[in-house]
């Protein structure tokens, strides 16, 4: 295991998720439920599946696209989605 990659990825994902809509959805679900364990398991499994799909997609795309191009594409897509959300809400 490459601990540097693990810790960098963990830190980036942890910081990115703080205050994210996923965390707010978990707060709302937990506040409205008497089964906190069910909410916790749902959040953990949902994030795990989304992360798994991201790793698979990145692995496949990484075979065809250079990492530097992937970084620009993903950053640009993030900005486009953010602008779209701002304009449609």
PDB file of N, CA and C in Angstrom:
ATOM      1  N   UNK A   1       0.839  -1.178   0.000  1.00  0.00           N
ATOM      2  CA  UNK A   1       0.000   0.000   0.000  1.00  0.00           C
ATOM      3  C   UNK A   1       0.885   1.242   0.000  1.00  0.00           C
ATOM      4  N   UNK A   2       0.532   2.199  -0.831  1.00  0.00           N
ATOM      5  CA  UNK A   2       1.242   3.467  -0.903  1.00  0.00           C
ATOM      6  C   UNK A   2       0.575   4.425   0.084  1.00  0.00           C
ATOM      7  N   UNK A   3       1.167   4.588   1.262  1.00  0.00           N
ATOM      8  CA  UNK A   3       0.562   5.387   2.334  1.00  0.00           C
ATOM      9  C   UNK A   3       0.472   6.860   1.982  1.00  0.00           C
ATOM     10  N   UNK A   4       1.408   7.353   1.197  1.00  0.00           N
ATOM     11  CA  UNK A   4       1.356   8.767   0.794  1.00  0.00           C
ATOM     12  C   UNK A   4       0.117   9.017  -0.067  1.00  0.00           C
ATOM     13  N   UNK A   5      -0.122   8.142  -1.029  1.00  0.00           N
ATOM     14  CA  UNK A   5      -1.308   8.270  -1.879  1.00  0.00           C
ATOM     15  C   UNK A   5      -2.577   8.113  -1.037  1.00  0.00           C
ATOM     16  N   UNK A   6      -2.577   7.132  -0.133  1.00  0.00           N
ATOM     17  CA  UNK A   6      -3.737   6.908   0.730  1.00  0.00           C
ATOM     18  C   UNK A   6      -4.053   8.146   1.560  1.00  0.00           C
ATOM     19  N   UNK A   7      -3.048   8.680   2.257  1.00  0.00           N
ATOM     20  CA  UNK A   7      -3.276   9.828   3.129  1.00  0.00           C
ATOM     21  C   UNK A   7      -3.650  11.087   2.357  1.00  0.00           C
ATOM     22  N   UNK A   8      -3.043  11.290   1.203  1.00  0.00           N
ATOM     23  CA  UNK A   8      -3.388  12.441   0.366  1.00  0.00           C
ATOM     24  C   UNK A   8      -4.825  12.339  -0.126  1.00  0.00           C
ATOM     25  N   UNK A   9      -5.211  11.160  -0.596  1.00  0.00           N
ATOM     26  CA  UNK A   9      -6.579  10.947  -1.070  1.00  0.00           C
ATOM     27  C   UNK A   9      -7.578  11.093   0.071  1.00  0.00           C
ATOM     28  N   UNK A  10      -7.282  10.470   1.207  1.00  0.00           N
ATOM     29  CA  UNK A  10      -8.164  10.578   2.365  1.00  0.00           C
ATOM     30  C   UNK A  10      -8.353  12.038   2.764  1.00  0.00           C
ATOM     31  N   UNK A  11      -7.258  12.764   2.878  1.00  0.00           N
ATOM     32  CA  UNK A  11      -7.335  14.171   3.276  1.00  0.00           C
ATOM     33  C   UNK A  11      -8.130  15.011   2.291  1.00  0.00           C
ATOM     34  N   UNK A  12      -7.893  14.806   1.006  1.00  0.00           N
ATOM     35  CA  UNK A  12      -8.604  15.582  -0.011  1.00  0.00           C
ATOM     36  C   UNK A  12     -10.101  15.290   0.023  1.00  0.00           C
ATOM     37  N   UNK A  13     -10.472  14.019   0.113  1.00  0.00           N
ATOM     38  CA  UNK A  13     -11.885  13.647   0.139  1.00  0.00           C
ATOM     39  C   UNK A  13     -12.548  14.133   1.423  1.00  0.00           C
ATOM     40  N   UNK A  14     -11.858  13.981   2.550  1.00  0.00           N
ATOM     41  CA  UNK A  14     -12.423  14.416   3.833  1.00  0.00           C
ATOM     42  C   UNK A  14     -12.688  15.919   3.822  1.00  0.00           C
ATOM     43  N   UNK A  15     -11.729  16.709   3.389  1.00  0.00           N
ATOM     44  CA  UNK A  15     -11.902  18.163   3.344  1.00  0.00           C
ATOM     45  C   UNK A  15     -12.988  18.547   2.336  1.00  0.00           C
ATOM     46  N   UNK A  16     -13.008  17.883   1.187  1.00  0.00           N
ATOM     47  CA  UNK A  16     -14.003  18.209   0.158  1.00  0.00           C
ATOM     48  C   UNK A  16     -15.422  17.896   0.615  1.00  0.00           C
ATOM     49  N   UNK A  17     -15.579  16.880   1.434  1.00  0.00           N
ATOM     50  CA  UNK A  17     -16.917  16.473   1.877  1.00  0.00           C
ATOM     51  C   UNK A  17     -17.448  17.303   3.039  1.00  0.00           C
ATOM     52  N   UNK A  18     -16.564  17.991   3.771  1.00  0.00           N
ATOM     53  CA  UNK A  18     -17.032  18.818   4.885  1.00  0.00           C
ATOM     54  C   UNK A  18     -17.902  19.950   4.342  1.00  0.00           C
ATOM     55  N   UNK A  19     -19.117  20.038   4.858  1.00  0.00           N
ATOM     56  CA  UNK A  19     -20.026  21.091   4.404  1.00  0.00           C
ATOM     57  C   UNK A  19     -20.614  20.843   3.030  1.00  0.00           C
ATOM     58  N   UNK A  20     -20.402  19.658   2.482  1.00  0.00           N
ATOM     59  CA  UNK A  20     -20.922  19.304   1.170  1.00  0.00           C
ATOM     60  C   UNK A  20     -22.392  18.911   1.301  1.00  0.00           C
ATOM     61  N   UNK A  21     -23.092  18.901   0.190  1.00  0.00           N
ATOM     62  CA  UNK A  21     -24.514  18.537   0.210  1.00  0.00           C
ATOM     63  C   UNK A  21     -24.741  17.139   0.757  1.00  0.00           C
ATOM     64  N   UNK A  22     -23.766  16.259   0.593  1.00  0.00           N
ATOM     65  CA  UNK A  22     -23.885  14.912   1.148  1.00  0.00           C
ATOM     66  C   UNK A  22     -23.933  14.964   2.673  1.00  0.00           C
ATOM     67  N   UNK A  23     -23.099  15.798   3.257  1.00  0.00           N
ATOM     68  CA  UNK A  23     -23.096  15.912   4.711  1.00  0.00           C
ATOM     69  C   UNK A  23     -24.414  16.522   5.197  1.00  0.00           C
ATOM     70  N   UNK A  24     -24.931  17.511   4.486  1.00  0.00           N
ATOM     71  CA  UNK A  24     -26.207  18.117   4.876  1.00  0.00           C
ATOM     72  C   UNK A  24     -27.353  17.115   4.743  1.00  0.00           C
ATOM     73  N   UNK A  25     -27.309  16.266   3.718  1.00  0.00           N
ATOM     74  CA  UNK A  25     -28.326  15.223   3.564  1.00  0.00           C
ATOM     75  C   UNK A  25     -28.239  14.228   4.717  1.00  0.00           C
ATOM     76  N   UNK A  26     -27.023  13.898   5.138  1.00  0.00           N
ATOM     77  CA  UNK A  26     -26.851  12.987   6.272  1.00  0.00           C
ATOM     78  C   UNK A  26     -27.365  13.616   7.562  1.00  0.00           C
ATOM     79  N   UNK A  27     -27.121  14.904   7.737  1.00  0.00           N
ATOM     80  CA  UNK A  27     -27.624  15.612   8.926  1.00  0.00           C
ATOM     81  C   UNK A  27     -29.147  15.589   8.947  1.00  0.00           C
ATOM     82  N   UNK A  28     -29.753  15.899   7.800  1.00  0.00           N
ATOM     83  CA  UNK A  28     -31.215  15.925   7.725  1.00  0.00           C
ATOM     84  C   UNK A  28     -31.811  14.539   7.965  1.00  0.00           C
ATOM     85  N   UNK A  29     -31.213  13.521   7.373  1.00  0.00           N
ATOM     86  CA  UNK A  29     -31.724  12.157   7.547  1.00  0.00           C
ATOM     87  C   UNK A  29     -31.570  11.708   8.998  1.00  0.00           C
ATOM     88  N   UNK A  30     -30.448  12.056   9.608  1.00  0.00           N
ATOM     89  CA  UNK A  30     -30.206  11.666  10.988  1.00  0.00           C
ATOM     90  C   UNK A  30     -31.143  12.397  11.947  1.00  0.00           C
ATOM     91  N   UNK A  31     -31.405  13.655  11.677  1.00  0.00           N
ATOM     92  CA  UNK A  31     -32.298  14.434  12.546  1.00  0.00           C
ATOM     93  C   UNK A  31     -33.726  13.905  12.490  1.00  0.00           C
ATOM     94  N   UNK A  32     -34.120  13.372  11.332  1.00  0.00           N
ATOM     95  CA  UNK A  32     -35.491  12.903  11.162  1.00  0.00           C
ATOM     96  C   UNK A  32     -35.677  11.417  11.398  1.00  0.00           C
ATOM     97  N   UNK A  33     -34.655  10.744  11.921  1.00  0.00           N
ATOM     98  CA  UNK A  33     -34.736   9.297  12.090  1.00  0.00           C
ATOM     99  C   UNK A  33     -34.365   8.902  13.516  1.00  0.00           C
ATOM    100  N   UNK A  34     -35.018   7.868  13.989  1.00  0.00           N
ATOM    101  CA  UNK A  34     -34.649   7.346  15.305  1.00  0.00           C
ATOM    102  C   UNK A  34     -33.565   6.276  15.179  1.00  0.00           C
ATOM    103  N   UNK A  35     -33.267   5.857  13.952  1.00  0.00           N
ATOM    104  CA  UNK A  35     -32.259   4.819  13.727  1.00  0.00           C
ATOM    105  C   UNK A  35     -30.996   5.450  13.142  1.00  0.00           C
ATOM    106  N   UNK A  36     -30.162   5.948  14.023  1.00  0.00           N
ATOM    107  CA  UNK A  36     -28.919   6.614  13.591  1.00  0.00           C
ATOM    108  C   UNK A  36     -27.969   5.630  12.902  1.00  0.00           C
ATOM    109  N   UNK A  37     -27.968   4.383  13.353  1.00  0.00           N
ATOM    110  CA  UNK A  37     -27.096   3.383  12.741  1.00  0.00           C
ATOM    111  C   UNK A  37     -27.496   3.134  11.287  1.00  0.00           C
ATOM    112  N   UNK A  38     -28.784   3.088  11.007  1.00  0.00           N
ATOM    113  CA  UNK A  38     -29.248   2.891   9.628  1.00  0.00           C
ATOM    114  C   UNK A  38     -28.814   4.051   8.738  1.00  0.00           C
ATOM    115  N   UNK A  39     -28.913   5.270   9.259  1.00  0.00           N
ATOM    116  CA  UNK A  39     -28.478   6.439   8.496  1.00  0.00           C
ATOM    117  C   UNK A  39     -26.972   6.381   8.258  1.00  0.00           C
ATOM    118  N   UNK A  40     -26.210   6.061   9.307  1.00  0.00           N
ATOM    119  CA  UNK A  40     -24.757   5.971   9.174  1.00  0.00           C
ATOM    120  C   UNK A  40     -24.359   4.927   8.134  1.00  0.00           C
ATOM    121  N   UNK A  41     -24.950   3.740   8.201  1.00  0.00           N
ATOM    122  CA  UNK A  41     -24.620   2.688   7.229  1.00  0.00           C
ATOM    123  C   UNK A  41     -25.014   3.093   5.812  1.00  0.00           C
ATOM    124  N   UNK A  42     -26.159   3.759   5.676  1.00  0.00           N
ATOM    125  CA  UNK A  42     -26.586   4.232   4.362  1.00  0.00           C
ATOM    126  C   UNK A  42     -25.613   5.251   3.787  1.00  0.00           C
ATOM    127  N   UNK A  43     -25.164   6.182   4.628  1.00  0.00           N
ATOM    128  CA  UNK A  43     -24.205   7.209   4.185  1.00  0.00           C
ATOM    129  C   UNK A  43     -22.876   6.567   3.798  1.00  0.00           C
ATOM    130  N   UNK A  44     -22.365   5.696   4.660  1.00  0.00           N
ATOM    131  CA  UNK A  44     -21.070   5.061   4.397  1.00  0.00           C
ATOM    132  C   UNK A  44     -21.124   4.217   3.123  1.00  0.00           C
ATOM    133  N   UNK A  45     -22.158   3.413   2.972  1.00  0.00           N
ATOM    134  CA  UNK A  45     -22.257   2.567   1.774  1.00  0.00           C
ATOM    135  C   UNK A  45     -22.489   3.387   0.512  1.00  0.00           C
ATOM    136  N   UNK A  46     -23.308   4.438   0.616  1.00  0.00           N
ATOM    137  CA  UNK A  46     -23.540   5.304  -0.547  1.00  0.00           C
ATOM    138  C   UNK A  46     -22.262   5.985  -1.000  1.00  0.00           C
ATOM    139  N   UNK A  47     -21.500   6.532  -0.061  1.00  0.00           N
ATOM    140  CA  UNK A  47     -20.235   7.171  -0.413  1.00  0.00           C
ATOM    141  C   UNK A  47     -19.220   6.156  -0.927  1.00  0.00           C
ATOM    142  N   UNK A  48     -19.222   4.965  -0.334  1.00  0.00           N
ATOM    143  CA  UNK A  48     -18.297   3.921  -0.795  1.00  0.00           C
ATOM    144  C   UNK A  48     -18.592   3.522  -2.239  1.00  0.00           C
ATOM    145  N   UNK A  49     -19.870   3.367  -2.562  1.00  0.00           N
ATOM    146  CA  UNK A  49     -20.233   2.998  -3.936  1.00  0.00           C
ATOM    147  C   UNK A  49     -19.884   4.113  -4.913  1.00  0.00           C
ATOM    148  N   UNK A  50     -20.191   5.364  -4.542  1.00  0.00           N
ATOM    149  CA  UNK A  50     -19.856   6.495  -5.416  1.00  0.00           C
ATOM    150  C   UNK A  50     -18.342   6.585  -5.609  1.00  0.00           C
ATOM    151  N   UNK A  51     -17.588   6.387  -4.536  1.00  0.00           N
ATOM    152  CA  UNK A  51     -16.133   6.406  -4.640  1.00  0.00           C
ATOM    153  C   UNK A  51     -15.594   5.274  -5.496  1.00  0.00           C
ATOM    154  N   UNK A  52     -16.195   4.108  -5.347  1.00  0.00           N
ATOM    155  CA  UNK A  52     -15.787   2.952  -6.151  1.00  0.00           C
ATOM    156  C   UNK A  52     -15.997   3.214  -7.636  1.00  0.00           C
ATOM    157  N   UNK A  53     -17.151   3.773  -7.965  1.00  0.00           N
ATOM    158  CA  UNK A  53     -17.421   4.107  -9.369  1.00  0.00           C
ATOM    159  C   UNK A  53     -16.428   5.143  -9.890  1.00  0.00           C
ATOM    160  N   UNK A  54     -16.057   6.109  -9.038  1.00  0.00           N
ATOM    161  CA  UNK A  54     -15.068   7.106  -9.435  1.00  0.00           C
ATOM    162  C   UNK A  54     -13.700   6.497  -9.695  1.00  0.00           C
ATOM    163  N   UNK A  55     -13.303   5.568  -8.837  1.00  0.00           N
ATOM    164  CA  UNK A  55     -12.000   4.902  -9.021  1.00  0.00           C
ATOM    165  C   UNK A  55     -12.004   4.063 -10.291  1.00  0.00           C
ATOM    166  N   UNK A  56     -13.086   3.346 -10.541  1.00  0.00           N
ATOM    167  CA  UNK A  56     -13.177   2.526 -11.759  1.00  0.00           C
ATOM    168  C   UNK A  56     -13.141   3.413 -13.000  1.00  0.00           C
ATOM    169  N   UNK A  57     -13.930   4.484 -12.977  1.00  0.00           N
ATOM    170  CA  UNK A  57     -13.948   5.400 -14.139  1.00  0.00           C
ATOM    171  C   UNK A  57     -12.574   6.030 -14.340  1.00  0.00           C
ATOM    172  N   UNK A  58     -11.932   6.447 -13.252  1.00  0.00           N
ATOM    173  CA  UNK A  58     -10.599   7.038 -13.364  1.00  0.00           C
ATOM    174  C   UNK A  58      -9.575   6.065 -13.898  1.00  0.00           C
ATOM    175  N   UNK A  59      -9.676   4.821 -13.465  1.00  0.00           N
ATOM    176  CA  UNK A  59      -8.743   3.802 -13.958  1.00  0.00           C
ATOM    177  C   UNK A  59      -8.915   3.565 -15.452  1.00  0.00           C
ATOM    178  N   UNK A  60     -10.168   3.494 -15.872  1.00  0.00           N
ATOM    179  CA  UNK A  60     -10.432   3.269 -17.299  1.00  0.00           C
ATOM    180  C   UNK A  60     -10.010   4.472 -18.133  1.00  0.00           C
ATOM    181  N   UNK A  61     -10.398   5.667 -17.699  1.00  0.00           N
ATOM    182  CA  UNK A  61     -10.038   6.870 -18.445  1.00  0.00           C
ATOM    183  C   UNK A  61      -8.533   7.121 -18.419  1.00  0.00           C
ATOM    184  N   UNK A  62      -7.874   6.725 -17.311  1.00  0.00           N
ATOM    185  CA  UNK A  62      -6.433   6.900 -17.192  1.00  0.00           C
ATOM    186  C   UNK A  62      -5.640   6.116 -18.217  1.00  0.00           C
ATOM    187  N   UNK A  63      -6.248   5.107 -18.792  1.00  0.00           N
ATOM    188  CA  UNK A  63      -5.586   4.339 -19.849  1.00  0.00           C
ATOM    189  C   UNK A  63      -5.503   5.132 -21.155  1.00  0.00           C
ATOM    190  N   UNK A  64      -6.384   6.117 -21.327  1.00  0.00           N
ATOM    191  CA  UNK A  64      -6.482   6.835 -22.596  1.00  0.00           C
ATOM    192  C   UNK A  64      -6.151   8.324 -22.488  1.00  0.00           C
ATOM    193  N   UNK A  65      -6.216   8.875 -21.288  1.00  0.00           N
ATOM    194  CA  UNK A  65      -6.032  10.316 -21.106  1.00  0.00           C
ATOM    195  C   UNK A  65      -4.907  10.547 -20.101  1.00  0.00           C
ATOM    196  N   UNK A  66      -3.993  11.477 -20.431  1.00  0.00           N
ATOM    197  CA  UNK A  66      -2.892  11.804 -19.527  1.00  0.00           C
ATOM    198  C   UNK A  66      -3.431  12.429 -18.240  1.00  0.00           C
ATOM    199  N   UNK A  67      -2.772  12.193 -17.104  1.00  0.00           N
ATOM    200  CA  UNK A  67      -3.234  12.763 -15.836  1.00  0.00           C
ATOM    201  C   UNK A  67      -3.370  14.286 -15.856  1.00  0.00           C
ATOM    202  N   UNK A  68      -2.472  14.975 -16.526  1.00  0.00           N
ATOM    203  CA  UNK A  68      -2.560  16.443 -16.575  1.00  0.00           C
ATOM    204  C   UNK A  68      -3.811  16.892 -17.339  1.00  0.00           C
ATOM    205  N   UNK A  69      -4.156  16.190 -18.404  1.00  0.00           N
ATOM    206  CA  UNK A  69      -5.369  16.508 -19.159  1.00  0.00           C
ATOM    207  C   UNK A  69      -6.604  16.156 -18.327  1.00  0.00           C
ATOM    208  N   UNK A  70      -6.542  15.029 -17.625  1.00  0.00           N
ATOM    209  CA  UNK A  70      -7.651  14.600 -16.765  1.00  0.00           C
ATOM    210  C   UNK A  70      -7.918  15.646 -15.686  1.00  0.00           C
ATOM    211  N   UNK A  71      -6.854  16.210 -15.116  1.00  0.00           N
ATOM    212  CA  UNK A  71      -7.004  17.233 -14.081  1.00  0.00           C
ATOM    213  C   UNK A  71      -7.732  18.452 -14.638  1.00  0.00           C
ATOM    214  N   UNK A  72      -7.356  18.893 -15.813  1.00  0.00           N
ATOM    215  CA  UNK A  72      -8.012  20.055 -16.432  1.00  0.00           C
ATOM    216  C   UNK A  72      -9.451  19.743 -16.812  1.00  0.00           C
ATOM    217  N   UNK A  73      -9.688  18.563 -17.347  1.00  0.00           N
ATOM    218  CA  UNK A  73     -11.056  18.181 -17.716  1.00  0.00           C
ATOM    219  C   UNK A  73     -11.969  18.095 -16.499  1.00  0.00           C
ATOM    220  N   UNK A  74     -11.487  17.454 -15.437  1.00  0.00           N
ATOM    221  CA  UNK A  74     -12.331  17.312 -14.251  1.00  0.00           C
ATOM    222  C   UNK A  74     -12.568  18.660 -13.583  1.00  0.00           C
ATOM    223  N   UNK A  75     -11.552  19.503 -13.520  1.00  0.00           N
ATOM    224  CA  UNK A  75     -11.724  20.841 -12.949  1.00  0.00           C
ATOM    225  C   UNK A  75     -12.691  21.679 -13.753  1.00  0.00           C
ATOM    226  N   UNK A  76     -12.580  21.604 -15.073  1.00  0.00           N
ATOM    227  CA  UNK A  76     -13.494  22.350 -15.944  1.00  0.00           C
ATOM    228  C   UNK A  76     -14.920  21.850 -15.807  1.00  0.00           C
ATOM    229  N   UNK A  77     -15.091  20.534 -15.736  1.00  0.00           N
ATOM    230  CA  UNK A  77     -16.422  19.962 -15.571  1.00  0.00           C
ATOM    231  C   UNK A  77     -17.025  20.377 -14.238  1.00  0.00           C
ATOM    232  N   UNK A  78     -16.212  20.425 -13.194  1.00  0.00           N
ATOM    233  CA  UNK A  78     -16.675  20.864 -11.881  1.00  0.00           C
ATOM    234  C   UNK A  78     -17.196  22.306 -11.958  1.00  0.00           C
ATOM    235  N   UNK A  79     -16.453  23.177 -12.637  1.00  0.00           N
ATOM    236  CA  UNK A  79     -16.873  24.573 -12.778  1.00  0.00           C
ATOM    237  C   UNK A  79     -18.148  24.669 -13.601  1.00  0.00           C
ATOM    238  N   UNK A  80     -18.239  23.932 -14.701  1.00  0.00           N
ATOM    239  CA  UNK A  80     -19.438  23.958 -15.554  1.00  0.00           C
ATOM    240  C   UNK A  80     -20.670  23.515 -14.767  1.00  0.00           C
ATOM    241  N   UNK A  81     -20.544  22.433 -14.009  1.00  0.00           N
ATOM    242  CA  UNK A  81     -21.680  21.949 -13.212  1.00  0.00           C
ATOM    243  C   UNK A  81     -22.057  22.995 -12.159  1.00  0.00           C
ATOM    244  N   UNK A  82     -21.069  23.616 -11.521  1.00  0.00           N
ATOM    245  CA  UNK A  82     -21.348  24.658 -10.532  1.00  0.00           C
ATOM    246  C   UNK A  82     -22.086  25.842 -11.129  1.00  0.00           C
ATOM    247  N   UNK A  83     -21.662  26.303 -12.291  1.00  0.00           N
ATOM    248  CA  UNK A  83     -22.344  27.406 -12.971  1.00  0.00           C
ATOM    249  C   UNK A  83     -23.749  26.985 -13.369  1.00  0.00           C
ATOM    250  N   UNK A  84     -23.890  25.782 -13.874  1.00  0.00           N
ATOM    251  CA  UNK A  84     -25.221  25.280 -14.261  1.00  0.00           C
ATOM    252  C   UNK A  84     -26.174  25.263 -13.064  1.00  0.00           C
ATOM    253  N   UNK A  85     -25.689  24.797 -11.930  1.00  0.00           N
ATOM    254  CA  UNK A  85     -26.509  24.762 -10.709  1.00  0.00           C
ATOM    255  C   UNK A  85     -26.897  26.169 -10.297  1.00  0.00           C
ATOM    256  N   UNK A  86     -25.962  27.104 -10.353  1.00  0.00           N
ATOM    257  CA  UNK A  86     -26.269  28.497 -10.010  1.00  0.00           C
ATOM    258  C   UNK A  86     -27.312  29.114 -10.940  1.00  0.00           C
ATOM    259  N   UNK A  87     -27.224  28.794 -12.217  1.00  0.00           N
ATOM    260  CA  UNK A  87     -28.141  29.385 -13.184  1.00  0.00           C
ATOM    261  C   UNK A  87     -29.523  28.757 -13.180  1.00  0.00           C
ATOM    262  N   UNK A  88     -29.629  27.503 -12.742  1.00  0.00           N
ATOM    263  CA  UNK A  88     -30.924  26.822 -12.787  1.00  0.00           C
ATOM    264  C   UNK A  88     -31.647  26.783 -11.448  1.00  0.00           C
ATOM    265  N   UNK A  89     -31.035  27.331 -10.411  1.00  0.00           N
ATOM    266  CA  UNK A  89     -31.715  27.280  -9.106  1.00  0.00           C
ATOM    267  C   UNK A  89     -32.267  28.625  -8.691  1.00  0.00           C
TER     268      UNK A  89
END
